[in-house]
Amino acid sequence: MKVFAVLALFSCLVAMVIGAQTACQLQRQQEQAKNVVGNFIPKCDADGSYSQVQCHGSTGYCWCADKDGNQLTKSARGKPNC
């Protein structure tokens, strides 16, 4: 019985760690789930933070962003040098 309890607890902990998402990953997942053509879907780095360059796929406008996704520069066509 103790082994079962330990395994159950371990399984819950693993699920929490694997299931933990960053703000970028969560926003990306939420936007993709909307299935709306033309909505902005953020790009996340491997560590889960917002990518330095964000682009709106439908318009071609891009901007520099900080690790929290805040826009640092004005939008411009093409990829900015961040």
N, C-alpha and C. Protein backbone atom coordinates (compact mmCIF):
# COMPACT_ATOMS: atom_id res chain seq x y z
N MET A 1 0.82 -1.19 0.00
CA MET A 1 0.00 0.00 0.00
C MET A 1 0.87 1.26 0.00
N LYS A 2 1.96 1.23 0.76
CA LYS A 2 2.86 2.39 0.80
C LYS A 2 3.49 2.62 -0.57
N VAL A 3 3.82 1.53 -1.24
CA VAL A 3 4.43 1.65 -2.56
C VAL A 3 3.45 2.31 -3.53
N PHE A 4 2.20 1.93 -3.45
CA PHE A 4 1.18 2.52 -4.31
C PHE A 4 1.05 4.02 -4.05
N ALA A 5 1.05 4.40 -2.79
CA ALA A 5 0.93 5.82 -2.42
C ALA A 5 2.13 6.61 -2.93
N VAL A 6 3.31 6.04 -2.81
CA VAL A 6 4.53 6.72 -3.29
C VAL A 6 4.48 6.85 -4.81
N LEU A 7 4.08 5.80 -5.49
CA LEU A 7 3.98 5.86 -6.95
C LEU A 7 2.94 6.88 -7.40
N ALA A 8 1.82 6.93 -6.72
CA ALA A 8 0.78 7.89 -7.05
C ALA A 8 1.27 9.32 -6.86
N LEU A 9 1.95 9.57 -5.77
CA LEU A 9 2.51 10.90 -5.49
C LEU A 9 3.55 11.27 -6.54
N PHE A 10 4.43 10.34 -6.86
CA PHE A 10 5.47 10.57 -7.86
C PHE A 10 4.84 10.89 -9.21
N SER A 11 3.81 10.16 -9.59
CA SER A 11 3.12 10.39 -10.86
C SER A 11 2.52 11.78 -10.92
N CYS A 12 1.94 12.22 -9.82
CA CYS A 12 1.36 13.56 -9.76
C CYS A 12 2.43 14.63 -9.90
N LEU A 13 3.55 14.45 -9.24
CA LEU A 13 4.64 15.42 -9.32
C LEU A 13 5.20 15.50 -10.73
N VAL A 14 5.39 14.36 -11.37
CA VAL A 14 5.89 14.35 -12.75
C VAL A 14 4.91 15.05 -13.67
N ALA A 15 3.64 14.80 -13.51
CA ALA A 15 2.61 15.44 -14.33
C ALA A 15 2.62 16.95 -14.15
N MET A 16 2.83 17.41 -12.93
CA MET A 16 2.87 18.85 -12.66
C MET A 16 4.09 19.49 -13.32
N VAL A 17 5.24 18.84 -13.23
CA VAL A 17 6.46 19.39 -13.81
C VAL A 17 6.36 19.41 -15.33
N ILE A 18 5.91 18.32 -15.91
CA ILE A 18 5.79 18.25 -17.36
C ILE A 18 4.71 19.20 -17.86
N GLY A 19 3.63 19.32 -17.12
CA GLY A 19 2.51 20.14 -17.53
C GLY A 19 2.69 21.63 -17.29
N ALA A 20 3.70 22.02 -16.53
CA ALA A 20 3.92 23.43 -16.24
C ALA A 20 4.31 24.16 -17.52
N GLN A 21 3.60 25.24 -17.81
CA GLN A 21 3.88 26.01 -19.02
C GLN A 21 4.24 27.43 -18.65
N THR A 22 5.08 28.02 -19.49
CA THR A 22 5.43 29.42 -19.30
C THR A 22 4.31 30.29 -19.86
N ALA A 23 4.39 31.58 -19.61
CA ALA A 23 3.38 32.51 -20.11
C ALA A 23 3.33 32.47 -21.64
N CYS A 24 4.48 32.40 -22.27
CA CYS A 24 4.53 32.35 -23.73
C CYS A 24 3.88 31.07 -24.25
N GLN A 25 4.24 29.95 -23.67
CA GLN A 25 3.68 28.67 -24.11
C GLN A 25 2.17 28.63 -23.91
N LEU A 26 1.71 29.17 -22.80
CA LEU A 26 0.28 29.19 -22.51
C LEU A 26 -0.46 30.10 -23.49
N GLN A 27 0.08 31.30 -23.73
CA GLN A 27 -0.56 32.22 -24.68
C GLN A 27 -0.57 31.61 -26.08
N ARG A 28 0.53 30.98 -26.47
CA ARG A 28 0.61 30.35 -27.79
C ARG A 28 -0.47 29.27 -27.93
N GLN A 29 -0.58 28.44 -26.91
CA GLN A 29 -1.57 27.36 -26.93
C GLN A 29 -2.99 27.92 -27.00
N GLN A 30 -3.26 28.97 -26.23
CA GLN A 30 -4.60 29.58 -26.22
C GLN A 30 -4.95 30.19 -27.58
N GLU A 31 -3.99 30.87 -28.19
CA GLU A 31 -4.24 31.50 -29.49
C GLU A 31 -4.44 30.44 -30.58
N GLN A 32 -3.66 29.37 -30.54
CA GLN A 32 -3.82 28.31 -31.53
C GLN A 32 -5.17 27.61 -31.38
N ALA A 33 -5.64 27.49 -30.15
CA ALA A 33 -6.91 26.80 -29.89
C ALA A 33 -8.11 27.59 -30.43
N LYS A 34 -7.94 28.90 -30.61
CA LYS A 34 -9.04 29.72 -31.11
C LYS A 34 -9.38 29.40 -32.57
N ASN A 35 -8.40 28.88 -33.32
CA ASN A 35 -8.60 28.56 -34.73
C ASN A 35 -9.14 29.75 -35.52
N VAL A 36 -8.57 30.93 -35.26
CA VAL A 36 -8.98 32.14 -35.94
C VAL A 36 -7.89 32.50 -36.95
N VAL A 37 -8.29 32.67 -38.19
CA VAL A 37 -7.34 33.05 -39.23
C VAL A 37 -6.90 34.49 -38.97
N GLY A 38 -5.60 34.71 -38.97
CA GLY A 38 -5.08 36.07 -38.84
C GLY A 38 -4.76 36.52 -37.44
N ASN A 39 -5.00 35.68 -36.42
CA ASN A 39 -4.66 36.14 -35.07
C ASN A 39 -3.17 35.97 -34.81
N PHE A 40 -2.65 36.78 -33.90
CA PHE A 40 -1.23 36.73 -33.56
C PHE A 40 -0.96 35.54 -32.65
N ILE A 41 0.04 34.74 -33.02
CA ILE A 41 0.48 33.61 -32.21
C ILE A 41 1.94 33.86 -31.85
N PRO A 42 2.24 34.03 -30.56
CA PRO A 42 3.61 34.34 -30.17
C PRO A 42 4.57 33.19 -30.44
N LYS A 43 5.82 33.56 -30.65
CA LYS A 43 6.88 32.57 -30.85
C LYS A 43 7.66 32.47 -29.54
N CYS A 44 7.88 31.24 -29.08
CA CYS A 44 8.58 30.99 -27.83
C CYS A 44 9.95 30.37 -28.10
N ASP A 45 10.93 30.73 -27.28
CA ASP A 45 12.25 30.10 -27.34
C ASP A 45 12.18 28.73 -26.69
N ALA A 46 13.26 27.96 -26.81
CA ALA A 46 13.32 26.61 -26.26
C ALA A 46 13.09 26.59 -24.75
N ASP A 47 13.51 27.66 -24.06
CA ASP A 47 13.33 27.71 -22.61
C ASP A 47 11.94 28.18 -22.19
N GLY A 48 11.09 28.48 -23.18
CA GLY A 48 9.72 28.88 -22.89
C GLY A 48 9.50 30.38 -22.83
N SER A 49 10.56 31.16 -22.88
CA SER A 49 10.40 32.62 -22.87
C SER A 49 10.01 33.09 -24.27
N TYR A 50 9.52 34.32 -24.35
CA TYR A 50 9.16 34.88 -25.65
C TYR A 50 10.41 35.07 -26.49
N SER A 51 10.32 34.76 -27.78
CA SER A 51 11.44 34.98 -28.68
C SER A 51 11.70 36.47 -28.81
N GLN A 52 12.94 36.81 -29.10
CA GLN A 52 13.35 38.21 -29.19
C GLN A 52 12.63 38.93 -30.33
N VAL A 53 12.37 38.23 -31.42
CA VAL A 53 11.64 38.81 -32.55
C VAL A 53 10.27 38.15 -32.62
N GLN A 54 9.24 38.96 -32.61
CA GLN A 54 7.86 38.49 -32.75
C GLN A 54 7.32 39.04 -34.06
N CYS A 55 6.60 38.21 -34.79
CA CYS A 55 6.01 38.64 -36.06
C CYS A 55 4.56 38.21 -36.13
N HIS A 56 3.76 39.08 -36.69
CA HIS A 56 2.35 38.76 -36.93
C HIS A 56 2.30 38.14 -38.32
N GLY A 57 2.04 36.86 -38.37
CA GLY A 57 2.10 36.11 -39.62
C GLY A 57 1.22 36.64 -40.72
N SER A 58 0.06 37.16 -40.40
CA SER A 58 -0.88 37.62 -41.41
C SER A 58 -0.48 38.95 -42.03
N THR A 59 0.14 39.80 -41.24
CA THR A 59 0.44 41.15 -41.73
C THR A 59 1.89 41.33 -42.15
N GLY A 60 2.77 40.48 -41.65
CA GLY A 60 4.19 40.63 -41.94
C GLY A 60 4.88 41.64 -41.04
N TYR A 61 4.16 42.22 -40.10
CA TYR A 61 4.76 43.17 -39.18
C TYR A 61 5.49 42.43 -38.07
N CYS A 62 6.70 42.90 -37.75
CA CYS A 62 7.52 42.28 -36.72
C CYS A 62 8.01 43.35 -35.75
N TRP A 63 8.43 42.91 -34.58
CA TRP A 63 8.93 43.82 -33.56
C TRP A 63 9.85 43.07 -32.62
N CYS A 64 10.67 43.82 -31.91
CA CYS A 64 11.52 43.24 -30.88
C CYS A 64 10.71 43.14 -29.59
N ALA A 65 10.93 42.06 -28.86
CA ALA A 65 10.21 41.84 -27.61
C ALA A 65 11.18 41.43 -26.52
N ASP A 66 10.82 41.74 -25.28
CA ASP A 66 11.64 41.27 -24.16
C ASP A 66 11.21 39.85 -23.79
N LYS A 67 11.87 39.28 -22.79
CA LYS A 67 11.61 37.89 -22.42
C LYS A 67 10.20 37.66 -21.90
N ASP A 68 9.50 38.76 -21.54
CA ASP A 68 8.12 38.67 -21.06
C ASP A 68 7.11 38.95 -22.16
N GLY A 69 7.59 39.18 -23.38
CA GLY A 69 6.71 39.40 -24.52
C GLY A 69 6.32 40.84 -24.76
N ASN A 70 6.86 41.76 -23.99
CA ASN A 70 6.54 43.18 -24.16
C ASN A 70 7.26 43.74 -25.39
N GLN A 71 6.53 44.51 -26.19
CA GLN A 71 7.09 45.09 -27.40
C GLN A 71 8.13 46.16 -27.04
N LEU A 72 9.30 46.07 -27.67
CA LEU A 72 10.37 47.03 -27.40
C LEU A 72 10.51 48.08 -28.49
N THR A 73 10.10 47.78 -29.69
CA THR A 73 10.23 48.72 -30.80
C THR A 73 8.91 48.80 -31.54
N LYS A 74 8.80 49.80 -32.40
CA LYS A 74 7.61 49.93 -33.22
C LYS A 74 7.57 48.80 -34.24
N SER A 75 6.37 48.49 -34.69
CA SER A 75 6.22 47.45 -35.71
C SER A 75 6.82 47.92 -37.02
N ALA A 76 7.35 46.99 -37.77
CA ALA A 76 7.93 47.29 -39.06
C ALA A 76 7.79 46.07 -39.95
N ARG A 77 7.71 46.31 -41.23
CA ARG A 77 7.67 45.18 -42.15
C ARG A 77 9.05 44.54 -42.19
N GLY A 78 9.08 43.24 -42.24
CA GLY A 78 10.35 42.53 -42.26
C GLY A 78 10.85 42.27 -40.85
N LYS A 79 11.97 41.59 -40.78
CA LYS A 79 12.53 41.17 -39.49
C LYS A 79 13.44 42.26 -38.93
N PRO A 80 13.14 42.77 -37.74
CA PRO A 80 14.00 43.81 -37.14
C PRO A 80 15.29 43.22 -36.59
N ASN A 81 16.29 44.06 -36.44
CA ASN A 81 17.56 43.66 -35.85
C ASN A 81 17.49 43.95 -34.36
N CYS A 82 17.21 42.93 -33.58
CA CYS A 82 17.00 43.14 -32.14
C CYS A 82 18.30 43.00 -31.37
